[in-house]
């Protein structure tokens, strides 16, 4: 028989310790978010459907994005044992400079559409965390504005070579003058992908007040208040070129760019240059032979060619072929710090986060971006310690198995 007794009041009161309620709604929401998917749910509640779907969606059936995320989930880790991991150092170097963590913020267009702090929040959070921030050609904060927001951190610039080459050349010169140290030459956008969510939502830049958007805005008045009481949404680095938003977007997608354009831009740019949007081995080898500094394995977040290769699956072979000659970066599908560690173990030098950062931005502005970086940082450091490695250099392919669901058929 279990011996029972009447509990003493002091013992009961000792158990009844309540947490002081957090009165700041934004802080309360962000503290409850334990994963990037949690931030996504907050973002979805707080952002009109058209803006959220522009961020969250991908091309056509969205297979490329789903497969990229699934590839990271289909990872098996192989930890070591009995190693001192009381301290794990997640810092690294990339493109000639330091980063406190093995990921940076990827370039995203129309960023102030998601939340009015936009690139200012992203650049400021990146600077505070000691990681690089990348500004898109289609960003809604100027090159100089990003530099002002992140004056002591590392800023990178993503370049679309536009139909009017002089516009692109001018952006390259401005980025160099502002101290941006790395240029991402993007090569996977000869035309825009078919983003069906945007078409179904009747989405436009800037957003238009229609009966549908008004109804959707009713439970989200804060978003519209921010949008209507802050500076006009436009391509900040392209305003001097003239033209409507649609015309500028169309001009950014040029199906005529070729290898000569790469040589021209490379000759102009004084810093490091990486080619973003590489999706096969032969192109990676050719780029390495041309002496580029880096290759970004990316399918544009699944927003261009649906059913495109999965960057994480390409990674091991590209590293074997050209990893000694160029630094390999991978993006698309990263939603957890463990995804980043798996990429580093398989030979990536660095990774980029796009949607993960934007979910934080939509969930809580600058504080939400800080929270997204904090979540990923905690996850990757914990994964390192559970794998029992104390530095990124100790990670090897032996720590990871890619469990593939999709295997090519024999022809």
Protein backbone atom coordinates (compact mmCIF):
# COMPACT_ATOMS: atom_id res chain seq x y z
CA UNK A 1 0.00 0.00 0.00
CA UNK A 2 1.17 3.53 -0.79
CA UNK A 3 1.41 5.65 2.31
CA UNK A 4 -0.64 8.83 1.92
CA UNK A 5 -0.61 12.10 3.80
CA UNK A 6 -2.45 15.38 3.71
CA UNK A 7 -0.26 17.88 1.80
CA UNK A 8 1.04 20.83 3.73
CA UNK A 9 -0.06 24.28 2.47
CA UNK A 10 3.56 25.42 2.17
CA UNK A 11 4.30 22.52 -0.17
CA UNK A 12 1.32 23.39 -2.37
CA UNK A 13 2.26 27.06 -2.57
CA UNK A 14 5.80 26.07 -3.50
CA UNK A 15 4.41 24.38 -6.63
CA UNK A 16 2.13 27.29 -7.50
CA UNK A 17 4.67 29.60 -9.10
CA UNK A 18 3.07 31.50 -11.93
CA UNK A 19 4.98 33.29 -14.62
CA UNK A 20 4.42 37.02 -14.72
CA UNK A 21 2.17 37.76 -17.71
CA UNK A 22 3.82 39.50 -20.67
CA UNK A 23 1.75 42.56 -21.56
CA UNK A 24 3.61 43.37 -24.77
CA UNK A 25 1.69 41.48 -27.45
CA UNK A 26 4.54 41.35 -29.96
CA UNK A 27 7.03 40.10 -27.40
CA UNK A 28 4.52 37.52 -26.14
CA UNK A 29 3.90 36.16 -29.65
CA UNK A 30 7.58 35.94 -30.46
CA UNK A 31 8.52 34.26 -27.18
CA UNK A 32 5.95 31.54 -27.86
CA UNK A 33 7.43 30.86 -31.30
CA UNK A 34 9.87 28.00 -30.85
CA UNK A 35 10.43 27.13 -34.53
CA UNK A 36 10.42 28.88 -37.88
CA UNK A 37 7.14 27.12 -38.61
CA UNK A 38 5.72 28.79 -35.47
CA UNK A 39 6.81 32.17 -36.84
CA UNK A 40 5.16 31.26 -40.12
CA UNK A 41 1.84 30.70 -38.34
CA UNK A 42 2.09 34.07 -36.59
CA UNK A 43 2.98 35.71 -39.90
CA UNK A 44 -0.01 34.15 -41.60
CA UNK A 45 -2.39 35.50 -38.96
CA UNK A 46 -0.97 39.01 -39.12
CA UNK A 47 -0.44 39.52 -42.86
CA UNK A 48 -3.02 39.93 -45.64
CA UNK A 49 -3.36 36.83 -47.81
CA UNK A 50 -1.88 38.35 -50.96
CA UNK A 51 1.31 39.54 -49.21
CA UNK A 52 1.67 36.32 -47.21
CA UNK A 53 1.13 34.12 -50.26
CA UNK A 54 3.66 36.14 -52.26
CA UNK A 55 6.24 35.21 -49.63
CA UNK A 56 5.09 31.70 -48.83
CA UNK A 57 4.29 30.52 -52.34
CA UNK A 58 6.39 29.16 -55.18
CA UNK A 59 5.98 28.39 -58.88
CA UNK A 60 3.14 26.34 -60.39
CA UNK A 61 2.51 23.23 -58.26
CA UNK A 62 5.18 24.29 -55.72
CA UNK A 63 6.87 20.91 -56.06
CA UNK A 64 10.40 22.30 -56.03
CA UNK A 65 9.89 24.01 -52.69
CA UNK A 66 8.17 21.00 -51.11
CA UNK A 67 10.91 18.66 -52.33
CA UNK A 68 13.65 20.95 -51.05
CA UNK A 69 12.14 21.04 -47.58
CA UNK A 70 11.52 17.30 -47.64
CA UNK A 71 15.16 16.69 -48.56
CA UNK A 72 16.30 18.34 -45.34
CA UNK A 73 13.78 16.35 -43.33
CA UNK A 74 15.06 13.16 -44.95
CA UNK A 75 18.41 13.45 -43.18
CA UNK A 76 19.84 10.94 -40.77
CA UNK A 77 22.56 12.21 -38.43
CA UNK A 78 25.39 10.07 -37.07
CA UNK A 79 26.71 11.50 -33.78
CA UNK A 80 30.05 10.76 -32.20
CA UNK A 81 30.37 10.07 -28.48
CA UNK A 82 32.46 11.05 -25.45
CA UNK A 83 33.73 14.34 -26.81
CA UNK A 84 33.90 17.59 -24.88
CA UNK A 85 31.27 19.90 -26.35
CA UNK A 86 30.85 22.24 -23.40
CA UNK A 87 31.50 24.96 -25.97
CA UNK A 88 30.53 24.83 -29.64
CA UNK A 89 31.81 27.51 -32.01
CA UNK A 90 29.43 28.15 -34.96
CA UNK A 91 31.54 30.91 -36.54
CA UNK A 92 33.03 30.65 -40.01
CA UNK A 93 34.57 32.66 -42.82
CA UNK A 94 32.98 33.19 -46.21
CA UNK A 95 34.05 35.22 -49.23
CA UNK A 96 37.05 36.63 -47.43
CA UNK A 97 35.32 37.75 -44.24
CA UNK A 98 33.89 36.50 -40.95
CA UNK A 99 30.40 35.39 -40.04
CA UNK A 100 29.35 34.56 -36.49
CA UNK A 101 27.01 31.87 -37.82
CA UNK A 102 27.09 29.65 -40.94
CA UNK A 103 24.14 31.40 -42.55
CA UNK A 104 23.25 34.81 -43.89
CA UNK A 105 20.11 36.56 -45.06
CA UNK A 106 19.25 35.87 -48.68
CA UNK A 107 18.12 38.56 -51.15
CA UNK A 108 14.37 39.03 -51.29
CA UNK A 109 12.38 41.43 -53.44
CA UNK A 110 9.50 43.70 -52.33
CA UNK A 111 10.53 43.17 -48.72
CA UNK A 112 8.64 46.14 -47.29
CA UNK A 113 5.48 44.57 -48.70
CA UNK A 114 5.71 41.85 -46.05
CA UNK A 115 6.22 44.34 -43.21
CA UNK A 116 7.08 48.00 -43.44
CA UNK A 117 10.47 47.77 -41.70
CA UNK A 118 11.61 45.58 -44.60
CA UNK A 119 15.31 45.45 -45.39
CA UNK A 120 16.12 47.89 -42.59
CA UNK A 121 14.97 45.26 -40.08
CA UNK A 122 16.85 42.50 -41.89
CA UNK A 123 20.09 44.43 -42.24
CA UNK A 124 19.98 45.66 -38.66
CA UNK A 125 19.29 42.18 -37.29
CA UNK A 126 22.05 40.67 -39.44
CA UNK A 127 24.53 43.27 -38.23
CA UNK A 128 23.59 42.64 -34.60
CA UNK A 129 24.02 38.88 -35.08
CA UNK A 130 27.31 39.24 -36.95
CA UNK A 131 26.07 37.63 -40.17
CA UNK A 132 25.89 38.99 -43.76
CA UNK A 133 22.81 40.64 -45.23
CA UNK A 134 22.05 40.49 -48.97
CA UNK A 135 20.09 43.24 -50.72
CA UNK A 136 18.12 42.37 -53.85
CA UNK A 137 18.10 44.44 -57.04
CA UNK A 138 14.33 44.48 -56.44
CA UNK A 139 14.68 45.55 -52.84
CA UNK A 140 12.52 48.26 -51.32
CA UNK A 141 15.39 49.94 -49.46
CA UNK A 142 18.23 51.58 -51.32
CA UNK A 143 21.82 50.39 -51.36
CA UNK A 144 22.77 53.42 -49.30
CA UNK A 145 19.85 52.84 -46.91
CA UNK A 146 21.02 49.30 -46.17
CA UNK A 147 24.54 50.55 -45.58
CA UNK A 148 23.17 53.09 -43.09
CA UNK A 149 21.18 50.36 -41.31
CA UNK A 150 24.18 48.03 -41.14
CA UNK A 151 27.21 50.36 -41.19
CA UNK A 152 29.68 48.02 -39.50
CA UNK A 153 28.41 44.66 -40.76
CA UNK A 154 28.84 42.77 -44.01
CA UNK A 155 26.50 43.73 -46.83
CA UNK A 156 26.15 41.79 -50.09
CA UNK A 157 24.30 42.75 -53.26
CA UNK A 158 22.27 40.50 -55.55
CA UNK A 159 22.30 41.59 -59.19
CA UNK A 160 19.79 41.03 -61.95
CA UNK A 161 21.34 42.00 -65.27
CA UNK A 162 18.59 44.14 -66.75
CA UNK A 163 17.67 44.77 -70.35
CA UNK A 164 19.20 48.21 -70.06
CA UNK A 165 22.71 47.15 -69.10
CA UNK A 166 23.63 50.65 -67.96
CA UNK A 167 21.12 50.32 -65.10
CA UNK A 168 22.82 47.16 -63.84
CA UNK A 169 26.28 48.69 -64.24
CA UNK A 170 25.15 51.68 -62.19
CA UNK A 171 23.94 49.40 -59.39
CA UNK A 172 27.26 47.55 -59.36
CA UNK A 173 29.12 50.84 -59.02
CA UNK A 174 26.82 52.05 -56.23
CA UNK A 175 27.16 48.80 -54.27
CA UNK A 176 30.94 48.95 -54.54
CA UNK A 177 30.98 52.60 -53.46
CA UNK A 178 28.81 51.72 -50.44
CA UNK A 179 31.29 49.08 -49.28
CA UNK A 180 29.31 45.95 -50.18
CA UNK A 181 31.95 43.23 -50.32
CA UNK A 182 30.28 40.43 -52.33
CA UNK A 183 28.12 40.40 -55.46
CA UNK A 184 25.61 37.65 -56.26
CA UNK A 185 25.15 37.43 -60.03
CA UNK A 186 21.76 35.72 -60.45
CA UNK A 187 21.40 33.42 -63.45
CA UNK A 188 18.11 31.52 -63.01
CA UNK A 189 15.61 34.21 -64.06
CA UNK A 190 15.51 34.60 -67.86
CA UNK A 191 11.75 34.98 -67.39
CA UNK A 192 9.55 35.04 -64.31
CA UNK A 193 8.19 31.75 -63.00
CA UNK A 194 4.43 31.15 -62.93
CA UNK A 195 3.47 32.00 -59.35
CA UNK A 196 -0.11 30.86 -59.33
CA UNK A 197 -1.01 31.97 -55.82
CA UNK A 198 -0.29 35.55 -56.87
CA UNK A 199 -2.48 35.24 -59.95
CA UNK A 200 -5.34 33.73 -58.00
CA UNK A 201 -5.07 36.50 -55.40
CA UNK A 202 -5.08 39.18 -58.09
CA UNK A 203 -1.82 40.28 -56.53
CA UNK A 204 -0.16 43.49 -57.66
CA UNK A 205 2.75 45.71 -56.63
CA UNK A 206 1.83 47.94 -54.90
CA UNK A 207 -1.25 46.23 -53.38
CA UNK A 208 -4.58 47.59 -54.57
CA UNK A 209 -7.64 48.18 -52.39
CA UNK A 210 -10.30 45.94 -53.93
CA UNK A 211 -13.43 44.52 -52.25
CA UNK A 212 -11.53 41.26 -51.68
CA UNK A 213 -8.48 42.94 -50.12
CA UNK A 214 -10.70 45.14 -47.95
CA UNK A 215 -12.51 42.10 -46.56
CA UNK A 216 -9.20 40.34 -45.96
CA UNK A 217 -7.85 43.46 -44.24
CA UNK A 218 -10.64 43.74 -41.68
CA UNK A 219 -8.94 41.43 -39.13
CA UNK A 220 -5.49 42.91 -39.96
CA UNK A 221 -5.90 46.68 -39.69
CA UNK A 222 -2.37 47.13 -38.29
CA UNK A 223 -0.81 45.93 -41.55
CA UNK A 224 -2.80 48.39 -43.65
CA UNK A 225 -2.13 51.20 -41.18
CA UNK A 226 1.60 50.56 -41.47
CA UNK A 227 1.37 50.31 -45.26
CA UNK A 228 -0.66 53.48 -45.73
CA UNK A 229 1.30 55.66 -43.28
CA UNK A 230 4.84 54.82 -44.41
CA UNK A 231 6.76 55.76 -47.57
CA UNK A 232 5.47 54.48 -50.90
CA UNK A 233 6.35 50.91 -51.75
CA UNK A 234 8.77 50.95 -54.68
CA UNK A 235 12.06 49.53 -55.92
CA UNK A 236 14.35 51.80 -53.97
CA UNK A 237 17.50 51.30 -56.03
CA UNK A 238 15.66 51.65 -59.34
CA UNK A 239 13.44 54.69 -58.80
CA UNK A 240 15.78 56.94 -60.77
CA UNK A 241 15.44 54.73 -63.86
CA UNK A 242 11.76 55.61 -64.34
CA UNK A 243 8.94 53.34 -65.44
CA UNK A 244 6.16 51.63 -63.58
CA UNK A 245 6.75 48.82 -61.11
CA UNK A 246 5.57 46.31 -63.72
CA UNK A 247 7.90 47.71 -66.36
CA UNK A 248 10.87 47.60 -64.00
CA UNK A 249 10.08 44.01 -63.01
CA UNK A 250 9.83 42.99 -66.65
CA UNK A 251 13.12 44.75 -67.38
CA UNK A 252 14.85 42.78 -64.62
CA UNK A 253 14.06 39.47 -66.35
CA UNK A 254 16.22 39.38 -69.48
CA UNK A 255 16.36 36.13 -71.49
CA UNK A 256 19.37 37.39 -73.45
CA UNK A 257 21.98 37.38 -70.66
CA UNK A 258 24.92 35.11 -71.34
CA UNK A 259 28.50 34.31 -70.38
CA UNK A 260 29.73 37.61 -71.83
CA UNK A 261 27.58 39.46 -69.31
CA UNK A 262 29.25 37.53 -66.51
CA UNK A 263 32.69 38.50 -67.81
CA UNK A 264 31.62 42.15 -68.07
CA UNK A 265 30.26 42.31 -64.54
CA UNK A 266 33.25 40.42 -63.16
CA UNK A 267 35.60 42.97 -64.68
CA UNK A 268 33.64 45.81 -63.07
CA UNK A 269 33.25 44.40 -59.57
CA UNK A 270 36.19 44.91 -57.17
CA UNK A 271 35.08 42.41 -54.52
CA UNK A 272 34.12 38.76 -54.38
CA UNK A 273 31.59 37.43 -56.91
CA UNK A 274 29.33 34.40 -56.53
CA UNK A 275 26.97 32.97 -59.15
CA UNK A 276 23.50 32.36 -57.73
CA UNK A 277 21.11 29.84 -59.26
CA UNK A 278 23.50 27.07 -60.34
CA UNK A 279 21.62 23.78 -60.81
CA UNK A 280 23.92 21.28 -62.51
CA UNK A 281 27.45 19.92 -62.31
CA UNK A 282 28.68 21.04 -65.72
CA UNK A 283 27.80 24.69 -65.11
CA UNK A 284 29.49 24.52 -61.72
CA UNK A 285 32.67 23.19 -63.33
CA UNK A 286 32.65 25.86 -66.03
CA UNK A 287 32.18 28.61 -63.47
CA UNK A 288 35.04 27.25 -61.40
CA UNK A 289 37.27 27.29 -64.47
CA UNK A 290 36.41 30.97 -64.98
CA UNK A 291 37.68 31.81 -61.54
CA UNK A 292 34.51 32.93 -59.75
CA UNK A 293 34.77 33.07 -55.98
CA UNK A 294 31.59 31.19 -55.14
CA UNK A 295 28.65 29.18 -56.40
CA UNK A 296 25.20 29.36 -54.83
CA UNK A 297 23.29 26.13 -55.40
CA UNK A 298 19.74 27.40 -55.59
CA UNK A 299 16.49 26.95 -57.47
CA UNK A 300 15.33 30.43 -56.41
CA UNK A 301 13.30 29.07 -53.53
CA UNK A 302 11.22 27.04 -55.96
CA UNK A 303 9.88 30.28 -57.46
CA UNK A 304 11.17 29.85 -61.01
CA UNK A 305 11.25 26.38 -62.63
CA UNK A 306 8.99 23.94 -60.82
CA UNK A 307 10.47 20.42 -60.61
CA UNK A 308 13.96 21.96 -60.63
CA UNK A 309 16.83 20.05 -58.99
CA UNK A 310 17.00 20.00 -55.21
CA UNK A 311 20.06 22.10 -54.21
CA UNK A 312 20.75 20.02 -51.10
CA UNK A 313 20.86 16.85 -53.20
CA UNK A 314 23.27 18.47 -55.68
CA UNK A 315 25.59 19.58 -52.92
CA UNK A 316 27.81 16.50 -52.36
CA UNK A 317 28.68 16.02 -56.03
CA UNK A 318 29.33 19.72 -56.65
CA UNK A 319 31.61 19.80 -53.62
CA UNK A 320 33.53 16.77 -54.94
CA UNK A 321 33.93 18.35 -58.37
CA UNK A 322 34.75 21.98 -57.56
CA UNK A 323 34.79 22.41 -53.78
CA UNK A 324 38.55 22.91 -53.74
CA UNK A 325 38.36 25.79 -56.20
CA UNK A 326 35.29 27.78 -55.13
CA UNK A 327 33.22 28.28 -52.01
CA UNK A 328 29.86 26.52 -52.18
CA UNK A 329 26.74 28.09 -50.71
CA UNK A 330 23.33 26.43 -50.62
CA UNK A 331 19.81 27.79 -50.18
CA UNK A 332 16.15 26.80 -50.68
CA UNK A 333 14.13 24.92 -48.10
CA UNK A 334 16.08 25.74 -44.93
CA UNK A 335 13.67 25.89 -42.00
CA UNK A 336 15.77 24.55 -39.11
CA UNK A 337 19.28 24.99 -37.78
CA UNK A 338 19.77 21.27 -38.30
CA UNK A 339 19.31 21.85 -42.05
CA UNK A 340 22.24 24.26 -41.92
CA UNK A 341 24.45 21.79 -40.05
CA UNK A 342 23.61 19.03 -42.54
CA UNK A 343 24.63 21.34 -45.39
CA UNK A 344 27.93 22.26 -43.76
CA UNK A 345 28.66 18.58 -43.03
CA UNK A 346 28.20 17.75 -46.73
CA UNK A 347 30.67 20.43 -47.78
CA UNK A 348 28.81 23.71 -48.08
CA UNK A 349 30.80 26.64 -46.83
CA UNK A 350 27.71 28.67 -46.04
CA UNK A 351 23.92 28.78 -46.33
CA UNK A 352 21.27 31.44 -46.98
CA UNK A 353 17.82 31.89 -45.46
CA UNK A 354 15.01 33.66 -47.30
CA UNK A 355 11.50 32.71 -46.22
CA UNK A 356 12.69 31.85 -42.70
CA UNK A 357 13.76 35.46 -42.24
CA UNK A 358 10.63 36.85 -43.88
CA UNK A 359 8.34 34.82 -41.62
CA UNK A 360 10.06 36.50 -38.68
CA UNK A 361 9.73 39.91 -40.32
CA UNK A 362 5.99 39.44 -40.88
CA UNK A 363 5.53 38.07 -37.37
CA UNK A 364 7.16 40.98 -35.61
CA UNK A 365 9.29 43.37 -37.66
CA UNK A 366 12.88 43.75 -36.50
CA UNK A 367 12.18 41.83 -33.30
CA UNK A 368 10.76 38.98 -35.40
CA UNK A 369 13.90 38.82 -37.54
CA UNK A 370 16.01 38.75 -34.37
CA UNK A 371 13.84 35.88 -33.14
CA UNK A 372 14.22 33.93 -36.39
CA UNK A 373 18.01 34.24 -36.20
CA UNK A 374 17.92 33.25 -32.52
CA UNK A 375 15.81 30.16 -33.24
CA UNK A 376 18.12 28.96 -36.03
CA UNK A 377 21.22 29.73 -33.97
CA UNK A 378 19.94 27.77 -30.96
CA UNK A 379 18.96 24.83 -33.17
CA UNK A 380 22.27 24.62 -35.01
CA UNK A 381 24.39 24.93 -31.85
CA UNK A 382 22.30 22.26 -30.13
CA UNK A 383 22.68 20.00 -33.18
CA UNK A 384 26.45 20.50 -33.12
CA UNK A 385 26.61 19.53 -29.47
CA UNK A 386 24.40 16.47 -29.95
CA UNK A 387 26.61 15.40 -32.86
CA UNK A 388 29.48 16.05 -30.44
CA UNK A 389 31.45 18.46 -32.60
CA UNK A 390 32.79 21.70 -31.18
CA UNK A 391 33.43 23.54 -34.45
CA UNK A 392 32.08 23.55 -37.99
CA UNK A 393 35.44 22.27 -39.25
CA UNK A 394 34.83 18.99 -37.40
CA UNK A 395 31.70 18.27 -39.43
CA UNK A 396 32.19 15.73 -42.23
CA UNK A 397 29.96 13.76 -44.63
CA UNK A 398 30.22 10.87 -42.17
CA UNK A 399 27.86 12.79 -39.89
CA UNK A 400 25.02 12.79 -42.44
CA UNK A 401 23.10 10.37 -44.64
CA UNK A 402 20.70 11.77 -47.24
CA UNK A 403 17.68 9.47 -47.31
CA UNK A 404 16.27 9.91 -50.80
CA UNK A 405 12.64 9.42 -51.72
CA UNK A 406 13.12 10.37 -55.37
CA UNK A 407 15.48 8.16 -57.40
CA UNK A 408 15.96 8.53 -61.17
CA UNK A 409 14.65 5.65 -63.26
CA UNK A 410 16.95 3.71 -65.54
CA UNK A 411 16.37 4.59 -69.20
